[in-house]
Amino acid sequence: MNWRFVAVGRPSLAFAKIGLDEYIRRLGRYVRVEFTPVKAGGREGEGERLLKASEGCYRIAFDERGEALDTAALAGRVDALEMDGAVKSAAVLVGGAEGHGGEVRAAADLVVSFGRLTLQHELALVAAAEQIYRVYTLKRGEPYHR
């Protein structure tokens, strides 16, 4: 499966740049992966750009109002997508400082929450990349996921 991380803006915080680069590099051992930033500017406009950049992909939006899954459940969902064969590409959507609007949540195939906490959007992007990497190490029985 091909993965695309679509987020509002490029990370500007040093830890976020390093973290995103690291997890995309690691994830690249298992799947094709890319990062696609979209222009910031109002939740509605950001949402339109996120959806346009993820057209044709199975969309996973990270949002505090989403479903609280543990990593094993997320791995099960990813595994089911891969086994189905109909899904060739998945896009992880991370909104900007204002989060996702209703149109993005409605258009997403899966809305996942990190819990009831609100995360800074660059931190959420790194956490989302780490979780998808963790999914693949779990699926392969590697020791990263303990």
C-alpha atoms as a PDB file:
ATOM      1  CA  MET A   1       0.000   0.000   0.000  1.00  0.00           C
ATOM      2  CA  ASN A   2       1.112   3.563  -0.657  1.00  0.00           C
ATOM      3  CA  TRP A   3       0.880   6.102   2.171  1.00  0.00           C
ATOM      4  CA  ARG A   4       0.573   9.850   1.964  1.00  0.00           C
ATOM      5  CA  PHE A   5       0.758  12.120   4.988  1.00  0.00           C
ATOM      6  CA  VAL A   6      -1.181  15.253   4.101  1.00  0.00           C
ATOM      7  CA  ALA A   7      -0.890  18.087   6.586  1.00  0.00           C
ATOM      8  CA  VAL A   8      -1.461  21.792   6.765  1.00  0.00           C
ATOM      9  CA  GLY A   9       1.943  23.395   6.301  1.00  0.00           C
ATOM     10  CA  ARG A  10       5.416  22.033   6.734  1.00  0.00           C
ATOM     11  CA  PRO A  11       6.594  21.484  10.284  1.00  0.00           C
ATOM     12  CA  SER A  12       8.426  24.560  11.559  1.00  0.00           C
ATOM     13  CA  LEU A  13       9.317  23.233  15.000  1.00  0.00           C
ATOM     14  CA  ALA A  14      12.708  21.500  15.005  1.00  0.00           C
ATOM     15  CA  PHE A  15      11.511  18.414  16.871  1.00  0.00           C
ATOM     16  CA  ALA A  16       8.599  17.991  14.439  1.00  0.00           C
ATOM     17  CA  LYS A  17      10.830  18.227  11.351  1.00  0.00           C
ATOM     18  CA  ILE A  18      13.242  15.670  12.772  1.00  0.00           C
ATOM     19  CA  GLY A  19      10.475  13.364  14.009  1.00  0.00           C
ATOM     20  CA  LEU A  20       8.496  13.406  10.773  1.00  0.00           C
ATOM     21  CA  ASP A  21      11.610  12.793   8.678  1.00  0.00           C
ATOM     22  CA  GLU A  22      12.635   9.921  10.955  1.00  0.00           C
ATOM     23  CA  TYR A  23       9.305   8.088  10.884  1.00  0.00           C
ATOM     24  CA  ILE A  24       8.801   8.583   7.158  1.00  0.00           C
ATOM     25  CA  ARG A  25      12.309   7.193   6.587  1.00  0.00           C
ATOM     26  CA  ARG A  26      11.577   4.198   8.812  1.00  0.00           C
ATOM     27  CA  LEU A  27       8.162   3.582   7.273  1.00  0.00           C
ATOM     28  CA  GLY A  28       9.771   3.651   3.825  1.00  0.00           C
ATOM     29  CA  ARG A  29      11.310   0.247   4.586  1.00  0.00           C
ATOM     30  CA  TYR A  30       7.842  -1.302   4.402  1.00  0.00           C
ATOM     31  CA  VAL A  31       5.722   0.817   2.060  1.00  0.00           C
ATOM     32  CA  ARG A  32       5.916   3.727  -0.345  1.00  0.00           C
ATOM     33  CA  VAL A  33       5.389   6.893   1.662  1.00  0.00           C
ATOM     34  CA  GLU A  34       5.343  10.619   0.996  1.00  0.00           C
ATOM     35  CA  PHE A  35       4.615  13.843   2.815  1.00  0.00           C
ATOM     36  CA  THR A  36       2.359  16.359   1.099  1.00  0.00           C
ATOM     37  CA  PRO A  37       1.956  19.738   2.793  1.00  0.00           C
ATOM     38  CA  VAL A  38      -0.963  21.971   1.890  1.00  0.00           C
ATOM     39  CA  LYS A  39      -1.218  25.716   2.311  1.00  0.00           C
ATOM     40  CA  ALA A  40      -2.520  27.062   5.617  1.00  0.00           C
ATOM     41  CA  GLY A  41      -5.353  29.563   5.696  1.00  0.00           C
ATOM     42  CA  GLY A  42      -8.707  29.127   7.409  1.00  0.00           C
ATOM     43  CA  ARG A  43     -10.214  25.795   8.396  1.00  0.00           C
ATOM     44  CA  GLU A  44     -12.560  25.644   5.382  1.00  0.00           C
ATOM     45  CA  GLY A  45      -9.822  26.355   2.841  1.00  0.00           C
ATOM     46  CA  GLU A  46      -7.413  24.003   4.577  1.00  0.00           C
ATOM     47  CA  GLY A  47     -10.062  21.295   4.505  1.00  0.00           C
ATOM     48  CA  GLU A  48     -10.617  21.730   0.770  1.00  0.00           C
ATOM     49  CA  ARG A  49      -6.874  21.488   0.144  1.00  0.00           C
ATOM     50  CA  LEU A  50      -6.504  18.414   2.389  1.00  0.00           C
ATOM     51  CA  LEU A  51      -9.322  16.665   0.534  1.00  0.00           C
ATOM     52  CA  LYS A  52      -7.973  17.595  -2.889  1.00  0.00           C
ATOM     53  CA  ALA A  53      -4.470  16.350  -1.988  1.00  0.00           C
ATOM     54  CA  SER A  54      -5.923  13.039  -0.763  1.00  0.00           C
ATOM     55  CA  GLU A  55      -8.271  12.323  -3.675  1.00  0.00           C
ATOM     56  CA  GLY A  56      -8.370   8.661  -4.602  1.00  0.00           C
ATOM     57  CA  CYS A  57      -6.966   7.594  -1.238  1.00  0.00           C
ATOM     58  CA  TYR A  58      -8.533   5.882   1.731  1.00  0.00           C
ATOM     59  CA  ARG A  59      -8.625   8.828   4.145  1.00  0.00           C
ATOM     60  CA  ILE A  60      -7.665   8.544   7.792  1.00  0.00           C
ATOM     61  CA  ALA A  61      -8.217  11.819   9.618  1.00  0.00           C
ATOM     62  CA  PHE A  62      -6.681  12.333  13.025  1.00  0.00           C
ATOM     63  CA  ASP A  63      -9.106  14.409  15.071  1.00  0.00           C
ATOM     64  CA  GLU A  64      -9.960  14.659  18.758  1.00  0.00           C
ATOM     65  CA  ARG A  65     -13.604  13.797  17.937  1.00  0.00           C
ATOM     66  CA  GLY A  66     -12.635  10.516  16.275  1.00  0.00           C
ATOM     67  CA  GLU A  67     -12.705   6.926  17.364  1.00  0.00           C
ATOM     68  CA  ALA A  68     -10.250   6.007  20.119  1.00  0.00           C
ATOM     69  CA  LEU A  69      -8.394   2.971  18.775  1.00  0.00           C
ATOM     70  CA  ASP A  70      -5.458   1.213  20.308  1.00  0.00           C
ATOM     71  CA  THR A  71      -2.526   0.386  18.055  1.00  0.00           C
ATOM     72  CA  ALA A  72      -3.555  -3.251  17.629  1.00  0.00           C
ATOM     73  CA  ALA A  73      -7.010  -2.187  16.423  1.00  0.00           C
ATOM     74  CA  LEU A  74      -5.473   0.330  14.014  1.00  0.00           C
ATOM     75  CA  ALA A  75      -3.147  -2.399  12.741  1.00  0.00           C
ATOM     76  CA  GLY A  76      -6.174  -4.624  12.210  1.00  0.00           C
ATOM     77  CA  ARG A  77      -7.882  -1.924  10.151  1.00  0.00           C
ATOM     78  CA  VAL A  78      -4.761  -1.404   8.035  1.00  0.00           C
ATOM     79  CA  ASP A  79      -4.349  -5.147   7.584  1.00  0.00           C
ATOM     80  CA  ALA A  80      -7.975  -5.450   6.436  1.00  0.00           C
ATOM     81  CA  LEU A  81      -7.436  -2.655   3.906  1.00  0.00           C
ATOM     82  CA  GLU A  82      -4.356  -4.373   2.522  1.00  0.00           C
ATOM     83  CA  MET A  83      -6.069  -7.760   2.364  1.00  0.00           C
ATOM     84  CA  ASP A  84      -9.100  -6.265   0.612  1.00  0.00           C
ATOM     85  CA  GLY A  85      -6.932  -5.191  -2.298  1.00  0.00           C
ATOM     86  CA  ALA A  86      -9.353  -2.471  -3.409  1.00  0.00           C
ATOM     87  CA  VAL A  87      -7.388   0.173  -1.526  1.00  0.00           C
ATOM     88  CA  LYS A  88      -4.052   0.986  -3.110  1.00  0.00           C
ATOM     89  CA  SER A  89      -3.325   4.264  -1.304  1.00  0.00           C
ATOM     90  CA  ALA A  90      -4.099   5.665   2.111  1.00  0.00           C
ATOM     91  CA  ALA A  91      -3.793   9.271   3.219  1.00  0.00           C
ATOM     92  CA  VAL A  92      -3.345  10.419   6.786  1.00  0.00           C
ATOM     93  CA  LEU A  93      -4.907  13.862   7.198  1.00  0.00           C
ATOM     94  CA  VAL A  94      -3.675  16.248   9.875  1.00  0.00           C
ATOM     95  CA  GLY A  95      -5.324  19.653  10.098  1.00  0.00           C
ATOM     96  CA  GLY A  96      -3.848  22.963  11.075  1.00  0.00           C
ATOM     97  CA  ALA A  97      -4.070  24.878  14.332  1.00  0.00           C
ATOM     98  CA  GLU A  98      -7.878  25.023  14.102  1.00  0.00           C
ATOM     99  CA  GLY A  99      -8.245  21.287  13.496  1.00  0.00           C
ATOM    100  CA  HIS A 100     -10.516  19.628  10.949  1.00  0.00           C
ATOM    101  CA  GLY A 101     -13.839  21.023   9.906  1.00  0.00           C
ATOM    102  CA  GLY A 102     -16.922  18.897   9.509  1.00  0.00           C
ATOM    103  CA  GLU A 103     -16.366  18.437   5.772  1.00  0.00           C
ATOM    104  CA  VAL A 104     -13.047  16.661   6.335  1.00  0.00           C
ATOM    105  CA  ARG A 105     -14.458  14.419   9.054  1.00  0.00           C
ATOM    106  CA  ALA A 106     -17.437  13.571   6.831  1.00  0.00           C
ATOM    107  CA  ALA A 107     -15.225  12.778   3.834  1.00  0.00           C
ATOM    108  CA  ALA A 108     -12.800  10.643   5.855  1.00  0.00           C
ATOM    109  CA  ASP A 109     -13.135   6.880   5.724  1.00  0.00           C
ATOM    110  CA  LEU A 110     -11.817   6.632   9.273  1.00  0.00           C
ATOM    111  CA  VAL A 111     -11.539   9.321  11.943  1.00  0.00           C
ATOM    112  CA  VAL A 112      -9.099   8.428  14.714  1.00  0.00           C
ATOM    113  CA  SER A 113      -8.467  10.187  17.992  1.00  0.00           C
ATOM    114  CA  PHE A 114      -5.367  10.243  20.162  1.00  0.00           C
ATOM    115  CA  GLY A 115      -7.792  10.439  23.062  1.00  0.00           C
ATOM    116  CA  ARG A 116      -9.523  13.385  24.619  1.00  0.00           C
ATOM    117  CA  LEU A 117      -6.353  15.469  24.561  1.00  0.00           C
ATOM    118  CA  THR A 118      -5.864  18.236  22.051  1.00  0.00           C
ATOM    119  CA  LEU A 119      -2.414  18.047  20.465  1.00  0.00           C
ATOM    120  CA  GLN A 120      -0.525  20.822  18.733  1.00  0.00           C
ATOM    121  CA  HIS A 121      -0.887  20.040  15.023  1.00  0.00           C
ATOM    122  CA  GLU A 122       2.821  19.467  14.317  1.00  0.00           C
ATOM    123  CA  LEU A 123       3.046  17.098  17.278  1.00  0.00           C
ATOM    124  CA  ALA A 124      -0.089  15.308  16.020  1.00  0.00           C
ATOM    125  CA  LEU A 125       1.575  14.845  12.614  1.00  0.00           C
ATOM    126  CA  VAL A 126       4.653  13.240  14.182  1.00  0.00           C
ATOM    127  CA  ALA A 127       2.469  11.055  16.423  1.00  0.00           C
ATOM    128  CA  ALA A 128       0.382   9.940  13.435  1.00  0.00           C
ATOM    129  CA  ALA A 129       3.508   9.025  11.458  1.00  0.00           C
ATOM    130  CA  GLU A 130       4.868   7.126  14.460  1.00  0.00           C
ATOM    131  CA  GLN A 131       1.616   5.198  14.838  1.00  0.00           C
ATOM    132  CA  ILE A 132       1.547   4.104  11.205  1.00  0.00           C
ATOM    133  CA  TYR A 133       5.192   3.028  11.526  1.00  0.00           C
ATOM    134  CA  ARG A 134       4.260   1.160  14.738  1.00  0.00           C
ATOM    135  CA  VAL A 135       1.401  -0.561  12.881  1.00  0.00           C
ATOM    136  CA  TYR A 136       3.840  -2.007  10.360  1.00  0.00           C
ATOM    137  CA  THR A 137       6.322  -3.170  13.001  1.00  0.00           C
ATOM    138  CA  LEU A 138       3.440  -4.812  14.899  1.00  0.00           C
ATOM    139  CA  LYS A 139       2.153  -6.517  11.751  1.00  0.00           C
ATOM    140  CA  ARG A 140       5.621  -7.937  11.151  1.00  0.00           C
ATOM    141  CA  GLY A 141       6.183  -9.030  14.734  1.00  0.00           C
ATOM    142  CA  GLU A 142       9.167  -6.738  15.179  1.00  0.00           C
ATOM    143  CA  PRO A 143      10.254  -5.743  18.687  1.00  0.00           C
ATOM    144  CA  TYR A 144       9.523  -1.998  18.271  1.00  0.00           C
ATOM    145  CA  HIS A 145       5.951  -2.569  19.450  1.00  0.00           C
ATOM    146  CA  ARG A 146       6.119  -4.221  22.845  1.00  0.00           C
END
